[in-house]
Amino acid sequence: MPSTSTAAVAKRRFCLVLVKPTHYCDDGYPIRWFRSAIPSNSLACIYGIARIATNAACSANDVEIDIHCDDEANTRIRPDRIAA
């Protein structure tokens, strides 16, 4: 009989990227804080909801979900690096 262990089953990977956009000044530049350690509360709430959904979905599916979140107010967002 062939053994079906969970280690033998290859999991697919899904990457969820959450970005909270910042506000922009009248000249079009993003308003950023140089040394901000406090993330957005709304981003934290969405991350929590995504984590709960991930834990429920991963136990039933063969998909591994990675969640990455960034707040544009204190992090420089580079879409080319996110896509890579």
C-alpha atoms as a PDB file:
ATOM      1  CA  MET A   1       0.000   0.000   0.000  1.00  0.00           C
ATOM      2  CA  PRO A   2       1.323   3.475  -0.809  1.00  0.00           C
ATOM      3  CA  SER A   3       1.665   5.709   2.198  1.00  0.00           C
ATOM      4  CA  THR A   4       0.142   9.164   2.029  1.00  0.00           C
ATOM      5  CA  SER A   5       1.917  11.302   4.550  1.00  0.00           C
ATOM      6  CA  THR A   6       1.376  15.054   4.817  1.00  0.00           C
ATOM      7  CA  ALA A   7       5.076  15.637   4.187  1.00  0.00           C
ATOM      8  CA  ALA A   8       4.843  13.917   0.807  1.00  0.00           C
ATOM      9  CA  VAL A   9       2.033  16.176  -0.406  1.00  0.00           C
ATOM     10  CA  ALA A  10       3.454  19.295  -2.019  1.00  0.00           C
ATOM     11  CA  LYS A  11       1.691  22.451  -0.909  1.00  0.00           C
ATOM     12  CA  ARG A  12       0.992  25.294  -3.276  1.00  0.00           C
ATOM     13  CA  ARG A  13       1.949  28.762  -2.100  1.00  0.00           C
ATOM     14  CA  PHE A  14      -0.168  31.933  -2.174  1.00  0.00           C
ATOM     15  CA  CYS A  15       1.332  35.275  -1.183  1.00  0.00           C
ATOM     16  CA  LEU A  16      -1.080  37.896   0.199  1.00  0.00           C
ATOM     17  CA  VAL A  17       0.378  41.406   0.297  1.00  0.00           C
ATOM     18  CA  LEU A  18      -1.478  44.040   2.322  1.00  0.00           C
ATOM     19  CA  VAL A  19      -0.458  47.662   1.760  1.00  0.00           C
ATOM     20  CA  LYS A  20      -2.013  50.590   3.574  1.00  0.00           C
ATOM     21  CA  PRO A  21      -1.543  53.607   1.341  1.00  0.00           C
ATOM     22  CA  THR A  22      -0.507  56.922   2.806  1.00  0.00           C
ATOM     23  CA  HIS A  23      -1.806  60.393   2.153  1.00  0.00           C
ATOM     24  CA  TYR A  24      -0.136  62.663  -0.374  1.00  0.00           C
ATOM     25  CA  CYS A  25       0.754  66.332  -0.093  1.00  0.00           C
ATOM     26  CA  ASP A  26      -0.425  68.962  -2.574  1.00  0.00           C
ATOM     27  CA  ASP A  27       2.755  68.466  -4.638  1.00  0.00           C
ATOM     28  CA  GLY A  28       2.085  64.736  -5.058  1.00  0.00           C
ATOM     29  CA  TYR A  29       4.747  63.392  -2.677  1.00  0.00           C
ATOM     30  CA  PRO A  30       3.782  60.724  -0.149  1.00  0.00           C
ATOM     31  CA  ILE A  31       3.618  61.856   3.466  1.00  0.00           C
ATOM     32  CA  ARG A  32       5.950  59.509   5.377  1.00  0.00           C
ATOM     33  CA  TRP A  33       7.337  59.406   8.873  1.00  0.00           C
ATOM     34  CA  PHE A  34      11.078  58.878   9.121  1.00  0.00           C
ATOM     35  CA  ARG A  35      11.104  56.772  12.290  1.00  0.00           C
ATOM     36  CA  SER A  36       7.579  55.631  12.941  1.00  0.00           C
ATOM     37  CA  ALA A  37       7.195  52.400  14.875  1.00  0.00           C
ATOM     38  CA  ILE A  38       3.419  52.471  15.230  1.00  0.00           C
ATOM     39  CA  PRO A  39       1.646  50.661  12.387  1.00  0.00           C
ATOM     40  CA  SER A  40      -1.822  51.481  11.189  1.00  0.00           C
ATOM     41  CA  ASN A  41      -4.676  50.129  13.300  1.00  0.00           C
ATOM     42  CA  SER A  42      -6.758  49.349  10.210  1.00  0.00           C
ATOM     43  CA  LEU A  43      -3.841  47.414   8.717  1.00  0.00           C
ATOM     44  CA  ALA A  44      -3.491  45.452  11.957  1.00  0.00           C
ATOM     45  CA  CYS A  45      -7.209  44.587  11.917  1.00  0.00           C
ATOM     46  CA  ILE A  46      -7.123  43.398   8.304  1.00  0.00           C
ATOM     47  CA  TYR A  47      -3.977  41.380   9.058  1.00  0.00           C
ATOM     48  CA  GLY A  48      -5.759  39.710  11.979  1.00  0.00           C
ATOM     49  CA  ILE A  49      -8.764  38.833   9.831  1.00  0.00           C
ATOM     50  CA  ALA A  50      -6.485  37.464   7.110  1.00  0.00           C
ATOM     51  CA  ARG A  51      -4.547  35.387   9.673  1.00  0.00           C
ATOM     52  CA  ILE A  52      -7.769  33.859  11.051  1.00  0.00           C
ATOM     53  CA  ALA A  53      -8.973  33.065   7.527  1.00  0.00           C
ATOM     54  CA  THR A  54      -5.562  31.617   6.674  1.00  0.00           C
ATOM     55  CA  ASN A  55      -5.571  29.292   9.671  1.00  0.00           C
ATOM     56  CA  ALA A  56      -9.061  28.054   8.778  1.00  0.00           C
ATOM     57  CA  ALA A  57      -8.299  27.641   5.064  1.00  0.00           C
ATOM     58  CA  CYS A  58      -4.870  26.041   5.407  1.00  0.00           C
ATOM     59  CA  SER A  59      -6.145  23.205   7.524  1.00  0.00           C
ATOM     60  CA  ALA A  60      -8.583  22.214   4.782  1.00  0.00           C
ATOM     61  CA  ASN A  61      -6.556  22.928   1.613  1.00  0.00           C
ATOM     62  CA  ASP A  62      -3.159  22.121   0.178  1.00  0.00           C
ATOM     63  CA  VAL A  63      -2.299  25.835  -0.031  1.00  0.00           C
ATOM     64  CA  GLU A  64       0.242  27.588   2.139  1.00  0.00           C
ATOM     65  CA  ILE A  65      -0.629  31.284   2.523  1.00  0.00           C
ATOM     66  CA  ASP A  66       2.040  33.872   3.332  1.00  0.00           C
ATOM     67  CA  ILE A  67       0.840  37.260   4.564  1.00  0.00           C
ATOM     68  CA  HIS A  68       3.047  40.331   4.174  1.00  0.00           C
ATOM     69  CA  CYS A  69       1.873  43.762   5.231  1.00  0.00           C
ATOM     70  CA  ASP A  70       3.388  47.203   4.823  1.00  0.00           C
ATOM     71  CA  ASP A  71       2.294  50.665   5.878  1.00  0.00           C
ATOM     72  CA  GLU A  72       3.292  53.233   3.286  1.00  0.00           C
ATOM     73  CA  ALA A  73       3.400  55.934   5.969  1.00  0.00           C
ATOM     74  CA  ASN A  74       6.592  54.431   7.421  1.00  0.00           C
ATOM     75  CA  THR A  75       7.880  52.091   4.690  1.00  0.00           C
ATOM     76  CA  ARG A  76       8.921  52.737   1.127  1.00  0.00           C
ATOM     77  CA  ILE A  77       6.774  50.539  -1.088  1.00  0.00           C
ATOM     78  CA  ARG A  78       8.496  49.121  -4.154  1.00  0.00           C
ATOM     79  CA  PRO A  79       5.972  47.325  -6.376  1.00  0.00           C
ATOM     80  CA  ASP A  80       8.696  45.706  -8.493  1.00  0.00           C
ATOM     81  CA  ARG A  81      10.154  44.003  -5.393  1.00  0.00           C
ATOM     82  CA  ILE A  82       6.721  42.918  -4.210  1.00  0.00           C
ATOM     83  CA  ALA A  83       5.981  41.364  -7.621  1.00  0.00           C
ATOM     84  CA  ALA A  84       9.329  39.559  -7.642  1.00  0.00           C
END
